């Protein structure tokens, strides 16, 4: 795991995440977290901040030109999303399967997602600071401004969560201490 993650490791809760989201200037109504069972799986290899885009069937849409490309192409891709365009998709990861691993900021299961032409899951952490303003906030705004389709945005927080079972939380924290 990233030493950068280890240095800034904090346990976050609903209030702290909402306060930080407001400071970063983005909405708080669509912030979700992960359950502890799937946290390390979701975090593994995941850039932060970054995003995944899915079509209305939950199929993953690859927006990067190659596997080593950064998220620089994401802003333009979001702006150009159109419900009538056919994109190269993959069945894995599937949005609806991934969605079942997400929780609200109190640790509760999420309600069924709203119907949309596209789903964007933005990965963020409180400790990435200003990158949340220059990336997360902008991606969310671009999705809202896109009038060519209906886009549902979720901001998946990848900080350690206070709502996790204490033993699970300590196990995960221990992974970062090695």
Protein backbone atom coordinates (compact mmCIF):
# COMPACT_ATOMS: atom_id res chain seq x y z
CA UNK A 1 0.00 0.00 0.00
CA UNK A 2 1.05 3.56 -0.59
CA UNK A 3 3.23 5.15 2.06
CA UNK A 4 1.41 8.41 1.33
CA UNK A 5 -1.79 6.73 2.52
CA UNK A 6 -0.04 5.49 5.66
CA UNK A 7 1.31 8.94 6.59
CA UNK A 8 -2.11 10.58 6.45
CA UNK A 9 -4.20 7.75 7.85
CA UNK A 10 -7.19 9.02 9.81
CA UNK A 11 -10.48 7.49 10.79
CA UNK A 12 -13.29 9.48 9.19
CA UNK A 13 -16.96 9.69 10.09
CA UNK A 14 -20.06 11.20 8.53
CA UNK A 15 -19.56 14.63 10.09
CA UNK A 16 -15.85 14.89 9.25
CA UNK A 17 -16.40 13.85 5.64
CA UNK A 18 -19.31 16.25 5.11
CA UNK A 19 -17.27 19.09 6.63
CA UNK A 20 -14.32 18.31 4.33
CA UNK A 21 -16.52 17.93 1.25
CA UNK A 22 -18.00 21.37 1.90
CA UNK A 23 -14.50 22.79 2.31
CA UNK A 24 -13.54 21.25 -1.05
CA UNK A 25 -16.65 22.77 -2.60
CA UNK A 26 -18.52 19.70 -3.72
CA UNK A 27 -21.94 18.32 -2.90
CA UNK A 28 -22.54 16.07 0.09
CA UNK A 29 -25.73 14.24 -0.92
CA UNK A 30 -23.97 11.57 -3.00
CA UNK A 31 -21.00 10.65 -0.83
CA UNK A 32 -20.76 6.97 -0.07
CA UNK A 33 -18.24 4.71 1.65
CA UNK A 34 -17.22 1.10 1.33
CA UNK A 35 -18.02 -1.74 3.64
CA UNK A 36 -14.93 -2.97 5.49
CA UNK A 37 -15.02 -6.40 3.84
CA UNK A 38 -14.40 -4.92 0.38
CA UNK A 39 -12.33 -1.86 1.26
CA UNK A 40 -8.88 -3.29 0.51
CA UNK A 41 -10.14 -4.90 -2.70
CA UNK A 42 -11.58 -1.59 -3.91
CA UNK A 43 -8.49 0.36 -2.87
CA UNK A 44 -5.98 -2.04 -4.44
CA UNK A 45 -4.50 -0.39 -7.52
CA UNK A 46 -7.01 2.44 -7.43
CA UNK A 47 -5.76 5.93 -8.24
CA UNK A 48 -7.02 8.70 -5.98
CA UNK A 49 -8.68 10.81 -7.10
CA UNK A 50 -9.93 8.86 -10.09
CA UNK A 51 -13.20 7.56 -11.46
CA UNK A 52 -14.92 4.68 -13.19
CA UNK A 53 -17.70 5.16 -15.72
CA UNK A 54 -20.46 2.65 -16.39
CA UNK A 55 -23.28 2.50 -18.94
CA UNK A 56 -26.96 2.14 -17.97
CA UNK A 57 -26.58 -1.66 -17.90
CA UNK A 58 -23.73 -1.40 -15.39
CA UNK A 59 -21.01 -2.26 -17.92
CA UNK A 60 -17.66 -0.61 -17.31
CA UNK A 61 -16.61 1.95 -19.96
CA UNK A 62 -12.88 2.33 -20.48
CA UNK A 63 -12.16 6.03 -20.96
CA UNK A 64 -8.37 5.83 -20.74
CA UNK A 65 -6.44 5.40 -23.98
CA UNK A 66 -4.22 2.75 -22.36
CA UNK A 67 -3.70 0.99 -19.03
CA UNK A 68 -0.97 3.36 -17.88
CA UNK A 69 -2.82 6.57 -18.79
CA UNK A 70 -3.71 8.90 -15.96
CA UNK A 71 -7.11 10.46 -15.35
CA UNK A 72 -6.32 13.53 -17.49
CA UNK A 73 -8.70 12.29 -20.20
CA UNK A 74 -11.64 12.04 -17.81
CA UNK A 75 -12.85 15.65 -17.95
CA UNK A 76 -13.20 15.63 -21.72
CA UNK A 77 -14.77 12.17 -21.65
CA UNK A 78 -17.45 13.28 -19.17
CA UNK A 79 -18.22 16.38 -21.22
CA UNK A 80 -18.66 14.28 -24.36
CA UNK A 81 -20.75 11.45 -22.91
CA UNK A 82 -23.88 11.00 -25.01
CA UNK A 83 -26.68 8.52 -24.51
CA UNK A 84 -26.75 7.63 -28.23
CA UNK A 85 -23.02 6.88 -28.48
CA UNK A 86 -21.85 3.28 -28.27
CA UNK A 87 -18.78 2.88 -26.06
CA UNK A 88 -16.36 0.02 -25.67
CA UNK A 89 -17.52 -1.76 -22.53
CA UNK A 90 -16.52 -4.62 -20.31
CA UNK A 91 -18.78 -6.65 -18.04
CA UNK A 92 -16.22 -6.40 -15.25
CA UNK A 93 -16.35 -4.51 -13.05
CA UNK A 94 -20.13 -4.26 -13.09
CA UNK A 95 -21.60 -1.13 -11.50
CA UNK A 96 -24.50 -2.90 -9.80
CA UNK A 97 -22.21 -5.52 -8.24
CA UNK A 98 -19.81 -2.83 -7.06
CA UNK A 99 -22.70 -0.70 -5.78
CA UNK A 100 -23.72 -3.51 -3.43
CA UNK A 101 -20.35 -3.04 -1.65
CA UNK A 102 -20.98 0.64 -0.96
CA UNK A 103 -22.56 2.05 2.19
CA UNK A 104 -23.88 5.39 3.32
CA UNK A 105 -21.67 7.34 5.73
CA UNK A 106 -23.33 5.64 8.70
CA UNK A 107 -22.57 2.17 7.33
CA UNK A 108 -26.07 1.35 6.09
CA UNK A 109 -26.88 -0.35 2.80
CA UNK A 110 -27.70 2.05 -0.01
CA UNK A 111 -31.11 2.22 -1.65
CA UNK A 112 -31.41 1.05 -5.24
CA UNK A 113 -29.56 3.52 -7.50
CA UNK A 114 -31.54 5.96 -9.63
CA UNK A 115 -31.88 5.06 -13.32
CA UNK A 116 -29.39 6.86 -15.49
CA UNK A 117 -27.73 6.64 -18.90
CA UNK A 118 -24.35 6.55 -17.16
CA UNK A 119 -22.98 6.07 -13.66
CA UNK A 120 -19.74 7.69 -12.55
CA UNK A 121 -18.05 6.54 -9.37
CA UNK A 122 -15.45 9.06 -8.24
CA UNK A 123 -12.83 7.74 -5.81
CA UNK A 124 -11.59 10.29 -3.30
CA UNK A 125 -10.09 10.65 0.17
CA UNK A 126 -10.07 13.51 2.63
CA UNK A 127 -6.27 13.50 2.71
CA UNK A 128 -5.87 14.23 -1.01
CA UNK A 129 -6.72 17.83 -0.15
CA UNK A 130 -6.73 20.30 -3.05
CA UNK A 131 -6.90 17.51 -5.62
CA UNK A 132 -10.51 17.18 -4.54
CA UNK A 133 -11.11 20.76 -5.73
CA UNK A 134 -9.19 20.38 -8.99
CA UNK A 135 -10.53 16.93 -9.86
CA UNK A 136 -13.50 15.61 -7.89
CA UNK A 137 -15.42 18.88 -7.84
CA UNK A 138 -14.77 19.53 -11.54
CA UNK A 139 -15.76 16.01 -12.65
CA UNK A 140 -19.01 16.25 -10.72
CA UNK A 141 -19.77 19.67 -12.20
CA UNK A 142 -19.03 18.42 -15.73
CA UNK A 143 -21.45 15.52 -15.22
CA UNK A 144 -24.18 17.92 -14.05
CA UNK A 145 -23.56 20.25 -17.00
CA UNK A 146 -23.76 17.46 -19.60
CA UNK A 147 -27.19 17.85 -21.23
CA UNK A 148 -26.69 14.94 -23.68
CA UNK A 149 -27.53 12.28 -21.10
CA UNK A 150 -28.54 11.51 -17.54
CA UNK A 151 -25.48 10.91 -15.35
CA UNK A 152 -25.65 9.63 -11.79
CA UNK A 153 -22.50 10.49 -9.80
CA UNK A 154 -21.37 8.76 -6.62
CA UNK A 155 -18.35 9.96 -4.69
CA UNK A 156 -16.84 6.89 -3.03
CA UNK A 157 -14.73 7.89 -0.06
CA UNK A 158 -11.73 5.62 0.50
CA UNK A 159 -10.73 6.73 3.97
CA UNK A 160 -10.86 4.42 6.99
CA UNK A 161 -14.44 4.63 8.28
CA UNK A 162 -15.59 5.02 11.87
CA UNK A 163 -18.74 2.98 11.13
CA UNK A 164 -16.73 -0.20 10.50
CA UNK A 165 -16.58 -2.90 13.13
CA UNK A 166 -13.68 -2.04 15.48
CA UNK A 167 -11.82 -5.32 14.87
CA UNK A 168 -12.13 -4.95 11.10
CA UNK A 169 -10.99 -1.33 11.27
CA UNK A 170 -7.94 -2.30 13.34
CA UNK A 171 -7.13 -5.13 10.91
CA UNK A 172 -7.23 -2.72 7.97
CA UNK A 173 -5.15 -0.12 9.80
CA UNK A 174 -2.61 -2.81 10.56
CA UNK A 175 -2.23 -3.50 6.81
CA UNK A 176 -1.04 0.10 6.38
CA UNK A 177 1.47 -0.11 9.21
CA UNK A 178 3.68 -2.67 7.42
